[in-house]
Amino acid sequence: MSHPTRSPSRCSRSPPRCRSSYGACGPSRCSRSSSSRPARRWPPVWARPSSSPSPTPCTWSRRHAAALLGDPPLLVLDEPVNGLDTEGIRRLRELLRSMAAEGRTVLISSHLMTETALVADHLVVISRGRLLADTGTADFIERHGRSYVRVRTPEPVALGRELERHDATVTRVAGGGLDVVGIPAADIGRSAAAGGFPLDELSTHTGSLEEAYLGVIGAEGSDTRV
């Protein structure tokens, strides 16, 4: 006897969900194939973001795996960490660095400067068809970033005048601190010791890739890629 309000289609259970190291994905996004639907075609050897608004972590893990099929000597990734959780980002970073250490070429296009600085050894900055930079990551940050030495002392005014006599650029900061440009930390320490200035802090701060990048593209518009 049929049920007055339920039909077999309403009572049928959905296929089980699959899980990967990056999380869970629904049955329509699972990489398994069945006789009821055609086999899924793999994407090309490079990995690009999906045109869908929010690809799932399972989708991203499949795309990365597909890009690695055939053990390619050249790997091109566009925004590779989008959609990954913290563990997935770290695993992907370690994988890409290990591949580069083996002699492979890994090209990454990304707007995430912090993550790029952790994985990239060499940067290429292109804006509107023009090459703005083609250099090592450390050299790019050193040239275009803001590096300074943070000094804290009970006598900031007197020490600042002393350092300015050595051609340093000194900027006062809150809490009795000084940001010093033009003199390395070792020379600042020796000058403070010679003048009898006590130091509460003496630390070198290197500019970030984000600051250096924004400085380079400041006059180039907002469509620059790195």
C-alpha atoms as a PDB file:
ATOM      1  CA  MET A   1       0.000   0.000   0.000  1.00  0.00           C
ATOM      2  CA  SER A   2       1.392   3.425  -0.859  1.00  0.00           C
ATOM      3  CA  HIS A   3       1.811   6.061   1.794  1.00  0.00           C
ATOM      4  CA  PRO A   4      -0.696   8.959   1.441  1.00  0.00           C
ATOM      5  CA  THR A   5       1.942  11.707   1.866  1.00  0.00           C
ATOM      6  CA  ARG A   6       5.303  10.086   0.997  1.00  0.00           C
ATOM      7  CA  SER A   7       6.667   8.737  -2.238  1.00  0.00           C
ATOM      8  CA  PRO A   8       9.771   6.629  -2.919  1.00  0.00           C
ATOM      9  CA  SER A   9      11.578   9.675  -4.347  1.00  0.00           C
ATOM     10  CA  ARG A  10      11.003  11.633  -1.136  1.00  0.00           C
ATOM     11  CA  CYS A  11      12.083   8.778   1.080  1.00  0.00           C
ATOM     12  CA  SER A  12      15.277   7.976  -0.826  1.00  0.00           C
ATOM     13  CA  ARG A  13      18.423   8.802   1.031  1.00  0.00           C
ATOM     14  CA  SER A  14      21.109  11.015  -0.405  1.00  0.00           C
ATOM     15  CA  PRO A  15      24.438   9.380  -1.277  1.00  0.00           C
ATOM     16  CA  PRO A  16      26.966   9.478   1.565  1.00  0.00           C
ATOM     17  CA  ARG A  17      29.203  12.483   1.817  1.00  0.00           C
ATOM     18  CA  CYS A  18      32.920  12.074   1.305  1.00  0.00           C
ATOM     19  CA  ARG A  19      35.659  13.495   3.446  1.00  0.00           C
ATOM     20  CA  SER A  20      39.155  14.595   2.592  1.00  0.00           C
ATOM     21  CA  SER A  21      41.999  16.047   4.615  1.00  0.00           C
ATOM     22  CA  TYR A  22      40.564  19.479   3.784  1.00  0.00           C
ATOM     23  CA  GLY A  23      37.004  18.801   4.994  1.00  0.00           C
ATOM     24  CA  ALA A  24      33.737  17.377   3.680  1.00  0.00           C
ATOM     25  CA  CYS A  25      32.172  17.745   0.262  1.00  0.00           C
ATOM     26  CA  GLY A  26      28.732  16.932  -1.059  1.00  0.00           C
ATOM     27  CA  PRO A  27      27.926  14.069  -3.411  1.00  0.00           C
ATOM     28  CA  SER A  28      27.776  16.319  -6.482  1.00  0.00           C
ATOM     29  CA  ARG A  29      31.349  17.445  -5.814  1.00  0.00           C
ATOM     30  CA  CYS A  30      32.801  14.060  -4.973  1.00  0.00           C
ATOM     31  CA  SER A  31      35.481  12.716  -7.304  1.00  0.00           C
ATOM     32  CA  ARG A  32      33.914   9.237  -7.302  1.00  0.00           C
ATOM     33  CA  SER A  33      32.079   8.253 -10.455  1.00  0.00           C
ATOM     34  CA  SER A  34      29.050   6.015 -10.730  1.00  0.00           C
ATOM     35  CA  SER A  35      27.179   4.257 -13.498  1.00  0.00           C
ATOM     36  CA  SER A  36      24.372   6.824 -13.253  1.00  0.00           C
ATOM     37  CA  ARG A  37      26.510   9.745 -14.438  1.00  0.00           C
ATOM     38  CA  PRO A  38      29.399  10.104 -16.920  1.00  0.00           C
ATOM     39  CA  ALA A  39      32.997  10.138 -15.739  1.00  0.00           C
ATOM     40  CA  ARG A  40      34.251  13.562 -14.727  1.00  0.00           C
ATOM     41  CA  ARG A  41      36.869  15.187 -16.957  1.00  0.00           C
ATOM     42  CA  TRP A  42      39.982  16.421 -15.160  1.00  0.00           C
ATOM     43  CA  PRO A  43      41.059  20.056 -15.550  1.00  0.00           C
ATOM     44  CA  PRO A  44      44.255  20.943 -17.451  1.00  0.00           C
ATOM     45  CA  VAL A  45      47.718  20.742 -15.935  1.00  0.00           C
ATOM     46  CA  TRP A  46      47.414  24.185 -14.342  1.00  0.00           C
ATOM     47  CA  ALA A  47      45.062  24.966 -11.456  1.00  0.00           C
ATOM     48  CA  ARG A  48      42.743  27.970 -11.752  1.00  0.00           C
ATOM     49  CA  PRO A  49      39.990  29.127  -9.407  1.00  0.00           C
ATOM     50  CA  SER A  50      36.524  27.916 -10.272  1.00  0.00           C
ATOM     51  CA  SER A  51      33.989  30.210 -11.899  1.00  0.00           C
ATOM     52  CA  SER A  52      31.570  29.235  -9.146  1.00  0.00           C
ATOM     53  CA  PRO A  53      31.350  31.767  -6.295  1.00  0.00           C
ATOM     54  CA  SER A  54      32.518  29.466  -3.507  1.00  0.00           C
ATOM     55  CA  PRO A  55      34.368  26.240  -4.435  1.00  0.00           C
ATOM     56  CA  THR A  56      34.531  23.724  -1.605  1.00  0.00           C
ATOM     57  CA  PRO A  57      37.779  22.539   0.023  1.00  0.00           C
ATOM     58  CA  CYS A  58      37.231  19.143  -1.604  1.00  0.00           C
ATOM     59  CA  THR A  59      37.080  20.849  -5.013  1.00  0.00           C
ATOM     60  CA  TRP A  60      40.368  22.606  -4.361  1.00  0.00           C
ATOM     61  CA  SER A  61      42.124  19.443  -3.185  1.00  0.00           C
ATOM     62  CA  ARG A  62      41.030  17.672  -6.383  1.00  0.00           C
ATOM     63  CA  ARG A  63      42.298  20.501  -8.551  1.00  0.00           C
ATOM     64  CA  HIS A  64      45.685  20.472  -6.852  1.00  0.00           C
ATOM     65  CA  ALA A  65      45.909  16.712  -7.229  1.00  0.00           C
ATOM     66  CA  ALA A  66      44.946  16.959 -10.917  1.00  0.00           C
ATOM     67  CA  ALA A  67      47.631  19.575 -11.541  1.00  0.00           C
ATOM     68  CA  LEU A  68      50.236  17.191 -10.103  1.00  0.00           C
ATOM     69  CA  LEU A  69      49.258  14.261 -12.327  1.00  0.00           C
ATOM     70  CA  GLY A  70      52.124  13.149 -14.542  1.00  0.00           C
ATOM     71  CA  ASP A  71      54.810  14.584 -12.232  1.00  0.00           C
ATOM     72  CA  PRO A  72      55.103  17.833 -14.262  1.00  0.00           C
ATOM     73  CA  PRO A  73      58.446  19.707 -14.441  1.00  0.00           C
ATOM     74  CA  LEU A  74      56.507  22.992 -14.689  1.00  0.00           C
ATOM     75  CA  LEU A  75      53.564  23.807 -12.412  1.00  0.00           C
ATOM     76  CA  VAL A  76      51.415  26.947 -12.834  1.00  0.00           C
ATOM     77  CA  LEU A  77      48.975  27.839 -10.045  1.00  0.00           C
ATOM     78  CA  ASP A  78      46.542  30.766  -9.926  1.00  0.00           C
ATOM     79  CA  GLU A  79      45.513  31.762  -6.379  1.00  0.00           C
ATOM     80  CA  PRO A  80      46.325  28.245  -5.093  1.00  0.00           C
ATOM     81  CA  VAL A  81      45.459  28.748  -1.409  1.00  0.00           C
ATOM     82  CA  ASN A  82      41.946  30.150  -1.936  1.00  0.00           C
ATOM     83  CA  GLY A  83      39.392  27.849  -0.303  1.00  0.00           C
ATOM     84  CA  LEU A  84      41.930  25.949   1.819  1.00  0.00           C
ATOM     85  CA  ASP A  85      41.969  25.849   5.602  1.00  0.00           C
ATOM     86  CA  THR A  86      45.094  26.535   7.681  1.00  0.00           C
ATOM     87  CA  GLU A  87      46.345  22.956   7.558  1.00  0.00           C
ATOM     88  CA  GLY A  88      45.756  22.740   3.821  1.00  0.00           C
ATOM     89  CA  ILE A  89      47.675  25.980   3.203  1.00  0.00           C
ATOM     90  CA  ARG A  90      50.650  24.729   5.187  1.00  0.00           C
ATOM     91  CA  ARG A  91      50.682  21.370   3.417  1.00  0.00           C
ATOM     92  CA  LEU A  92      50.469  23.004   0.010  1.00  0.00           C
ATOM     93  CA  ARG A  93      53.269  25.435   0.912  1.00  0.00           C
ATOM     94  CA  GLU A  94      55.546  22.582   1.994  1.00  0.00           C
ATOM     95  CA  LEU A  95      54.717  20.619  -1.152  1.00  0.00           C
ATOM     96  CA  LEU A  96      55.496  23.512  -3.494  1.00  0.00           C
ATOM     97  CA  ARG A  97      58.792  24.287  -1.771  1.00  0.00           C
ATOM     98  CA  SER A  98      59.824  20.639  -1.899  1.00  0.00           C
ATOM     99  CA  MET A  99      59.025  20.526  -5.623  1.00  0.00           C
ATOM    100  CA  ALA A 100      61.118  23.644  -6.234  1.00  0.00           C
ATOM    101  CA  ALA A 101      63.982  22.105  -4.236  1.00  0.00           C
ATOM    102  CA  GLU A 102      63.890  19.107  -6.592  1.00  0.00           C
ATOM    103  CA  GLY A 103      64.573  21.380  -9.567  1.00  0.00           C
ATOM    104  CA  ARG A 104      61.025  21.895 -10.823  1.00  0.00           C
ATOM    105  CA  THR A 105      59.659  25.292 -11.809  1.00  0.00           C
ATOM    106  CA  VAL A 106      56.635  26.441  -9.780  1.00  0.00           C
ATOM    107  CA  LEU A 107      54.836  29.619 -10.905  1.00  0.00           C
ATOM    108  CA  ILE A 108      52.235  31.170  -8.598  1.00  0.00           C
ATOM    109  CA  SER A 109      49.925  34.105  -9.267  1.00  0.00           C
ATOM    110  CA  SER A 110      48.464  35.503  -6.055  1.00  0.00           C
ATOM    111  CA  HIS A 111      47.258  38.633  -4.260  1.00  0.00           C
ATOM    112  CA  LEU A 112      48.031  37.183  -0.804  1.00  0.00           C
ATOM    113  CA  MET A 113      51.337  38.881  -0.069  1.00  0.00           C
ATOM    114  CA  THR A 114      51.986  37.290   3.306  1.00  0.00           C
ATOM    115  CA  GLU A 115      51.612  33.769   1.941  1.00  0.00           C
ATOM    116  CA  THR A 116      53.608  34.633  -1.180  1.00  0.00           C
ATOM    117  CA  ALA A 117      56.537  35.824   0.942  1.00  0.00           C
ATOM    118  CA  LEU A 118      56.590  32.463   2.738  1.00  0.00           C
ATOM    119  CA  VAL A 119      56.752  30.321  -0.392  1.00  0.00           C
ATOM    120  CA  ALA A 120      58.308  32.381  -3.210  1.00  0.00           C
ATOM    121  CA  ASP A 121      62.052  32.815  -3.741  1.00  0.00           C
ATOM    122  CA  HIS A 122      61.686  34.997  -6.840  1.00  0.00           C
ATOM    123  CA  LEU A 123      59.093  37.627  -7.750  1.00  0.00           C
ATOM    124  CA  VAL A 124      57.796  38.950 -11.063  1.00  0.00           C
ATOM    125  CA  VAL A 125      55.524  42.006 -10.864  1.00  0.00           C
ATOM    126  CA  ILE A 126      53.579  42.859 -14.037  1.00  0.00           C
ATOM    127  CA  SER A 127      51.249  45.807 -14.497  1.00  0.00           C
ATOM    128  CA  ARG A 128      49.230  46.448 -17.674  1.00  0.00           C
ATOM    129  CA  GLY A 129      51.690  44.469 -19.782  1.00  0.00           C
ATOM    130  CA  ARG A 130      54.770  46.162 -18.306  1.00  0.00           C
ATOM    131  CA  LEU A 131      57.381  44.366 -16.229  1.00  0.00           C
ATOM    132  CA  LEU A 132      57.933  46.308 -12.985  1.00  0.00           C
ATOM    133  CA  ALA A 133      60.162  43.881 -11.099  1.00  0.00           C
ATOM    134  CA  ASP A 134      61.987  40.613 -11.744  1.00  0.00           C
ATOM    135  CA  THR A 135      64.145  39.841  -8.721  1.00  0.00           C
ATOM    136  CA  GLY A 136      64.512  37.759  -5.576  1.00  0.00           C
ATOM    137  CA  THR A 137      61.918  38.134  -2.841  1.00  0.00           C
ATOM    138  CA  ALA A 138      64.431  39.281  -0.212  1.00  0.00           C
ATOM    139  CA  ASP A 139      66.012  41.785  -2.625  1.00  0.00           C
ATOM    140  CA  PHE A 140      62.596  43.156  -3.580  1.00  0.00           C
ATOM    141  CA  ILE A 141      61.629  43.738   0.063  1.00  0.00           C
ATOM    142  CA  GLU A 142      65.008  45.266   0.909  1.00  0.00           C
ATOM    143  CA  ARG A 143      64.856  47.649  -2.044  1.00  0.00           C
ATOM    144  CA  HIS A 144      61.218  48.724  -1.871  1.00  0.00           C
ATOM    145  CA  GLY A 145      60.210  47.987   1.737  1.00  0.00           C
ATOM    146  CA  ARG A 146      60.767  50.079   4.816  1.00  0.00           C
ATOM    147  CA  SER A 147      63.401  48.640   7.155  1.00  0.00           C
ATOM    148  CA  TYR A 148      64.282  50.381  10.388  1.00  0.00           C
ATOM    149  CA  VAL A 149      65.735  49.863  13.849  1.00  0.00           C
ATOM    150  CA  ARG A 150      63.419  50.354  16.820  1.00  0.00           C
ATOM    151  CA  VAL A 151      65.180  51.897  19.829  1.00  0.00           C
ATOM    152  CA  ARG A 152      63.670  52.517  23.250  1.00  0.00           C
ATOM    153  CA  THR A 153      65.522  54.490  25.873  1.00  0.00           C
ATOM    154  CA  PRO A 154      64.718  56.694  28.890  1.00  0.00           C
ATOM    155  CA  GLU A 155      66.546  59.520  27.067  1.00  0.00           C
ATOM    156  CA  PRO A 156      65.077  59.484  23.545  1.00  0.00           C
ATOM    157  CA  VAL A 157      65.693  63.164  22.762  1.00  0.00           C
ATOM    158  CA  ALA A 158      69.397  63.132  23.602  1.00  0.00           C
ATOM    159  CA  LEU A 159      70.023  59.782  21.887  1.00  0.00           C
ATOM    160  CA  GLY A 160      68.090  60.906  18.815  1.00  0.00           C
ATOM    161  CA  ARG A 161      70.314  63.976  18.477  1.00  0.00           C
ATOM    162  CA  GLU A 162      73.398  61.801  18.815  1.00  0.00           C
ATOM    163  CA  LEU A 163      72.238  59.444  16.092  1.00  0.00           C
ATOM    164  CA  GLU A 164      71.331  62.323  13.770  1.00  0.00           C
ATOM    165  CA  ARG A 165      74.924  63.512  14.042  1.00  0.00           C
ATOM    166  CA  HIS A 166      75.837  60.171  12.434  1.00  0.00           C
ATOM    167  CA  ASP A 167      73.564  60.914   9.434  1.00  0.00           C
ATOM    168  CA  ALA A 168      70.685  58.751  10.678  1.00  0.00           C
ATOM    169  CA  THR A 169      67.019  59.570  10.084  1.00  0.00           C
ATOM    170  CA  VAL A 170      65.230  59.445  13.438  1.00  0.00           C
ATOM    171  CA  THR A 171      61.461  59.378  14.000  1.00  0.00           C
ATOM    172  CA  ARG A 172      59.907  59.631  17.454  1.00  0.00           C
ATOM    173  CA  VAL A 173      57.268  57.003  18.338  1.00  0.00           C
ATOM    174  CA  ALA A 174      55.032  56.544  21.365  1.00  0.00           C
ATOM    175  CA  GLY A 175      56.483  55.216  24.618  1.00  0.00           C
ATOM    176  CA  GLY A 176      59.891  56.827  24.345  1.00  0.00           C
ATOM    177  CA  GLY A 177      60.792  54.938  21.169  1.00  0.00           C
ATOM    178  CA  LEU A 178      62.806  55.902  18.126  1.00  0.00           C
ATOM    179  CA  ASP A 179      62.621  54.498  14.610  1.00  0.00           C
ATOM    180  CA  VAL A 180      66.082  54.838  13.099  1.00  0.00           C
ATOM    181  CA  VAL A 181      66.901  54.523   9.383  1.00  0.00           C
ATOM    182  CA  GLY A 182      70.387  54.687   7.921  1.00  0.00           C
ATOM    183  CA  ILE A 183      72.396  53.072  10.739  1.00  0.00           C
ATOM    184  CA  PRO A 184      72.509  49.341  11.573  1.00  0.00           C
ATOM    185  CA  ALA A 185      71.550  48.155  15.044  1.00  0.00           C
ATOM    186  CA  ALA A 186      75.150  47.299  15.969  1.00  0.00           C
ATOM    187  CA  ASP A 187      76.340  50.870  15.330  1.00  0.00           C
ATOM    188  CA  ILE A 188      73.394  52.272  17.297  1.00  0.00           C
ATOM    189  CA  GLY A 189      74.305  50.056  20.253  1.00  0.00           C
ATOM    190  CA  ARG A 190      77.928  51.210  20.177  1.00  0.00           C
ATOM    191  CA  SER A 191      76.903  54.867  19.946  1.00  0.00           C
ATOM    192  CA  ALA A 192      74.514  54.458  22.883  1.00  0.00           C
ATOM    193  CA  ALA A 193      77.203  52.746  24.960  1.00  0.00           C
ATOM    194  CA  ALA A 194      79.771  55.433  24.160  1.00  0.00           C
ATOM    195  CA  GLY A 195      77.339  58.192  25.136  1.00  0.00           C
ATOM    196  CA  GLY A 196      76.117  56.432  28.271  1.00  0.00           C
ATOM    197  CA  PHE A 197      72.529  56.036  27.046  1.00  0.00           C
ATOM    198  CA  PRO A 198      70.665  53.049  28.563  1.00  0.00           C
ATOM    199  CA  LEU A 199      68.653  50.998  26.092  1.00  0.00           C
ATOM    200  CA  ASP A 200      65.410  49.176  26.811  1.00  0.00           C
ATOM    201  CA  GLU A 201      64.995  47.896  23.233  1.00  0.00           C
ATOM    202  CA  LEU A 202      67.177  47.559  20.152  1.00  0.00           C
ATOM    203  CA  SER A 203      65.535  45.555  17.357  1.00  0.00           C
ATOM    204  CA  THR A 204      65.675  45.481  13.574  1.00  0.00           C
ATOM    205  CA  HIS A 205      62.372  45.474  11.658  1.00  0.00           C
ATOM    206  CA  THR A 206      62.273  44.432   8.004  1.00  0.00           C
ATOM    207  CA  GLY A 207      59.608  45.761   5.690  1.00  0.00           C
ATOM    208  CA  SER A 208      56.882  43.371   4.571  1.00  0.00           C
ATOM    209  CA  LEU A 209      56.286  42.189   1.016  1.00  0.00           C
ATOM    210  CA  GLU A 210      52.868  43.836   1.126  1.00  0.00           C
ATOM    211  CA  GLU A 211      54.366  47.249   1.892  1.00  0.00           C
ATOM    212  CA  ALA A 212      57.006  46.872  -0.808  1.00  0.00           C
ATOM    213  CA  TYR A 213      54.431  45.676  -3.342  1.00  0.00           C
ATOM    214  CA  LEU A 214      52.037  48.540  -2.661  1.00  0.00           C
ATOM    215  CA  GLY A 215      54.915  50.992  -2.946  1.00  0.00           C
ATOM    216  CA  VAL A 216      55.863  49.677  -6.383  1.00  0.00           C
ATOM    217  CA  ILE A 217      52.339  49.660  -7.824  1.00  0.00           C
ATOM    218  CA  GLY A 218      51.231  52.890  -6.155  1.00  0.00           C
ATOM    219  CA  ALA A 219      51.386  54.806  -9.451  1.00  0.00           C
ATOM    220  CA  GLU A 220      50.415  51.828 -11.613  1.00  0.00           C
ATOM    221  CA  GLY A 221      46.752  51.261 -10.707  1.00  0.00           C
ATOM    222  CA  SER A 222      45.079  48.344  -8.967  1.00  0.00           C
ATOM    223  CA  ASP A 223      45.245  45.587 -11.617  1.00  0.00           C
ATOM    224  CA  THR A 224      48.847  44.543 -10.990  1.00  0.00           C
ATOM    225  CA  ARG A 225      49.695  40.881 -10.501  1.00  0.00           C
ATOM    226  CA  VAL A 226      52.593  39.303  -8.625  1.00  0.00           C
END
